[in-house]
Amino acid sequence: MNKSLALLALLFSLVALAACTSIEKKPIFADDNGALRGYDPVSYFDLEQAVKGNREISHEYAGAIFYFTSQANQRRFIDNPAEFLPQYGGYCAYGMSRNFVVSSDPTAFNLVDGKLYLNYSHGVRTTWLKDVRGNIEKADANWTEKLDSNKPIKE
């Protein structure tokens, strides 16, 4: 195994051992800055870039606070959150493809078929991009299993 894969495996192992939660209790990744670490979910689709939201313009959804750059973006999200939510609750898409639930960096993203995918880091995103379709297929199956089982997940 090459050094970068070994390092990636070690990183995921350490993160996975760090905490345990339930998808039911935390279906959307959020930290002290809110969901998407404070970035506006609508901006990914309109501008194809990560843009920090305004703390004055927020909306709670599924137990997570989302921030927006404008009231128009907030309204669009409220009207149709499924259109703007990141896949796998905003957890790392590559991690999910490997059956890990890992935090994400909102600037390490890509849009595929109108859906937002986040990764743990830009380096992990590079690995994710090597087989996007295959990774999505695996991640979709793992996410569905985690949602259906409601077992504790490693985060």
Protein backbone atom coordinates (compact mmCIF):
# COMPACT_ATOMS: atom_id res chain seq x y z
CA MET A 1 0.00 0.00 0.00
CA ASN A 2 1.45 3.40 -0.89
CA LYS A 3 2.13 5.98 1.79
CA SER A 4 -0.81 8.27 0.97
CA LEU A 5 -3.32 5.40 1.15
CA ALA A 6 -1.81 4.21 4.43
CA LEU A 7 -2.02 7.74 5.82
CA LEU A 8 -5.62 8.08 4.64
CA ALA A 9 -6.53 4.74 6.24
CA LEU A 10 -4.90 5.80 9.50
CA LEU A 11 -6.69 9.16 9.42
CA PHE A 12 -10.08 7.54 8.92
CA SER A 13 -9.36 5.01 11.66
CA LEU A 14 -8.44 7.72 14.16
CA VAL A 15 -11.45 9.85 13.30
CA ALA A 16 -13.72 6.81 13.46
CA LEU A 17 -12.53 5.97 16.96
CA ALA A 18 -12.92 9.55 18.16
CA ALA A 19 -16.69 9.50 18.75
CA CYS A 20 -19.90 7.62 18.25
CA THR A 21 -23.32 9.06 17.45
CA SER A 22 -26.58 8.00 15.88
CA ILE A 23 -27.72 9.15 12.45
CA GLU A 24 -31.16 9.62 13.98
CA LYS A 25 -29.71 12.06 16.51
CA LYS A 26 -27.37 13.82 14.10
CA PRO A 27 -28.44 13.25 10.48
CA ILE A 28 -26.71 16.44 9.32
CA PHE A 29 -23.10 17.18 10.12
CA ALA A 30 -22.75 20.47 11.97
CA ASP A 31 -20.17 21.98 14.26
CA ASP A 32 -20.14 25.14 16.39
CA ASN A 33 -20.41 27.16 13.15
CA GLY A 34 -23.56 25.34 12.08
CA ALA A 35 -24.30 23.03 9.16
CA LEU A 36 -21.73 23.25 6.37
CA ARG A 37 -19.56 25.01 8.96
CA GLY A 38 -21.53 28.18 8.25
CA TYR A 39 -21.43 28.12 4.45
CA ASP A 40 -24.57 28.95 2.45
CA PRO A 41 -25.98 25.74 0.87
CA VAL A 42 -27.67 27.64 -1.98
CA SER A 43 -24.45 29.35 -3.08
CA TYR A 44 -22.88 26.04 -4.06
CA PHE A 45 -25.52 25.67 -6.76
CA ASP A 46 -25.84 29.30 -7.86
CA LEU A 47 -22.17 30.30 -7.78
CA GLU A 48 -20.47 26.88 -7.80
CA GLN A 49 -18.39 28.00 -4.85
CA ALA A 50 -18.47 27.84 -1.08
CA VAL A 51 -19.57 31.19 0.37
CA LYS A 52 -19.89 31.91 4.08
CA GLY A 53 -23.41 32.65 5.21
CA ASN A 54 -24.52 35.49 7.44
CA ARG A 55 -25.31 34.59 11.06
CA GLU A 56 -28.23 37.03 10.91
CA ILE A 57 -29.90 34.97 8.17
CA SER A 58 -30.42 31.41 9.39
CA HIS A 59 -32.83 28.50 9.40
CA GLU A 60 -32.95 25.35 11.51
CA TYR A 61 -33.54 22.12 9.63
CA ALA A 62 -33.28 18.56 11.02
CA GLY A 63 -31.59 19.86 14.16
CA ALA A 64 -28.90 21.83 12.33
CA ILE A 65 -28.61 25.58 11.77
CA PHE A 66 -27.95 26.70 8.20
CA TYR A 67 -26.68 30.19 7.37
CA PHE A 68 -27.35 32.10 4.15
CA THR A 69 -25.85 35.02 2.26
CA SER A 70 -29.28 36.52 1.58
CA GLN A 71 -32.93 36.24 2.56
CA ALA A 72 -33.66 35.08 -1.00
CA ASN A 73 -31.31 32.10 -0.51
CA GLN A 74 -32.86 31.40 2.88
CA ARG A 75 -36.36 31.40 1.32
CA ARG A 76 -35.28 29.06 -1.50
CA PHE A 77 -33.84 26.63 1.05
CA ILE A 78 -36.94 26.77 3.26
CA ASP A 79 -39.16 26.16 0.22
CA ASN A 80 -37.18 23.10 -0.93
CA PRO A 81 -34.39 21.96 1.42
CA ALA A 82 -33.88 18.65 -0.42
CA GLU A 83 -32.68 20.59 -3.47
CA PHE A 84 -29.80 22.13 -1.52
CA LEU A 85 -28.87 19.65 1.21
CA PRO A 86 -25.47 18.01 0.85
CA GLN A 87 -25.48 14.28 0.25
CA TYR A 88 -24.92 11.99 3.26
CA GLY A 89 -25.94 14.77 5.62
CA GLY A 90 -22.81 16.74 4.76
CA TYR A 91 -20.49 14.04 6.08
CA CYS A 92 -17.49 13.16 3.89
CA ALA A 93 -18.68 11.46 0.70
CA TYR A 94 -15.45 9.49 0.26
CA GLY A 95 -15.56 8.37 3.89
CA MET A 96 -19.15 7.21 3.37
CA SER A 97 -18.05 5.24 0.30
CA ARG A 98 -15.69 3.39 2.65
CA ASN A 99 -18.46 2.99 5.28
CA PHE A 100 -17.08 5.66 7.61
CA VAL A 101 -18.95 8.71 8.86
CA VAL A 102 -16.39 11.51 8.87
CA SER A 103 -16.65 15.29 9.13
CA SER A 104 -16.15 17.41 6.03
CA ASP A 105 -14.51 20.59 4.80
CA PRO A 106 -17.17 22.65 3.01
CA THR A 107 -14.56 24.03 0.61
CA ALA A 108 -13.67 20.49 -0.56
CA PHE A 109 -16.80 19.90 -2.61
CA ASN A 110 -18.09 19.03 -6.01
CA LEU A 111 -21.47 19.00 -7.72
CA VAL A 112 -22.57 15.88 -9.57
CA ASP A 113 -25.91 15.67 -11.35
CA GLY A 114 -27.26 18.57 -9.32
CA LYS A 115 -26.18 17.13 -5.96
CA LEU A 116 -23.63 18.48 -3.50
CA TYR A 117 -20.88 16.17 -2.24
CA LEU A 118 -18.42 17.21 0.46
CA ASN A 119 -15.12 15.64 1.43
CA TYR A 120 -12.96 15.63 4.53
CA SER A 121 -10.21 17.65 2.82
CA HIS A 122 -8.97 18.72 -0.59
CA GLY A 123 -6.59 15.75 -0.61
CA VAL A 124 -9.43 13.33 0.07
CA ARG A 125 -11.47 15.10 -2.62
CA THR A 126 -8.69 14.33 -5.11
CA THR A 127 -9.00 10.63 -4.23
CA TRP A 128 -12.82 10.83 -4.43
CA LEU A 129 -12.62 12.31 -7.93
CA LYS A 130 -10.69 9.29 -9.27
CA ASP A 131 -13.92 7.23 -9.30
CA VAL A 132 -16.84 9.54 -8.58
CA ARG A 133 -19.58 7.26 -9.93
CA GLY A 134 -18.23 4.17 -8.16
CA ASN A 135 -17.78 6.11 -4.92
CA ILE A 136 -21.32 7.49 -5.11
CA GLU A 137 -22.74 4.00 -5.65
CA LYS A 138 -20.90 2.66 -2.59
CA ALA A 139 -21.67 5.72 -0.47
CA ASP A 140 -25.38 5.61 -1.36
CA ALA A 141 -25.60 1.98 -0.25
CA ASN A 142 -23.69 2.65 2.99
CA TRP A 143 -25.77 5.74 3.81
CA THR A 144 -29.02 3.87 3.21
CA GLU A 145 -27.82 1.04 5.44
CA LYS A 146 -26.88 3.48 8.21
CA LEU A 147 -30.23 5.25 7.98
CA ASP A 148 -32.18 1.98 7.91
CA SER A 149 -30.30 0.32 10.75
CA ASN A 150 -30.22 3.35 13.06
CA LYS A 151 -27.19 1.72 14.65
CA PRO A 152 -24.56 3.92 16.26
CA ILE A 153 -22.21 5.25 13.63
CA LYS A 154 -18.54 5.98 13.86
CA GLU A 155 -17.82 9.64 13.40
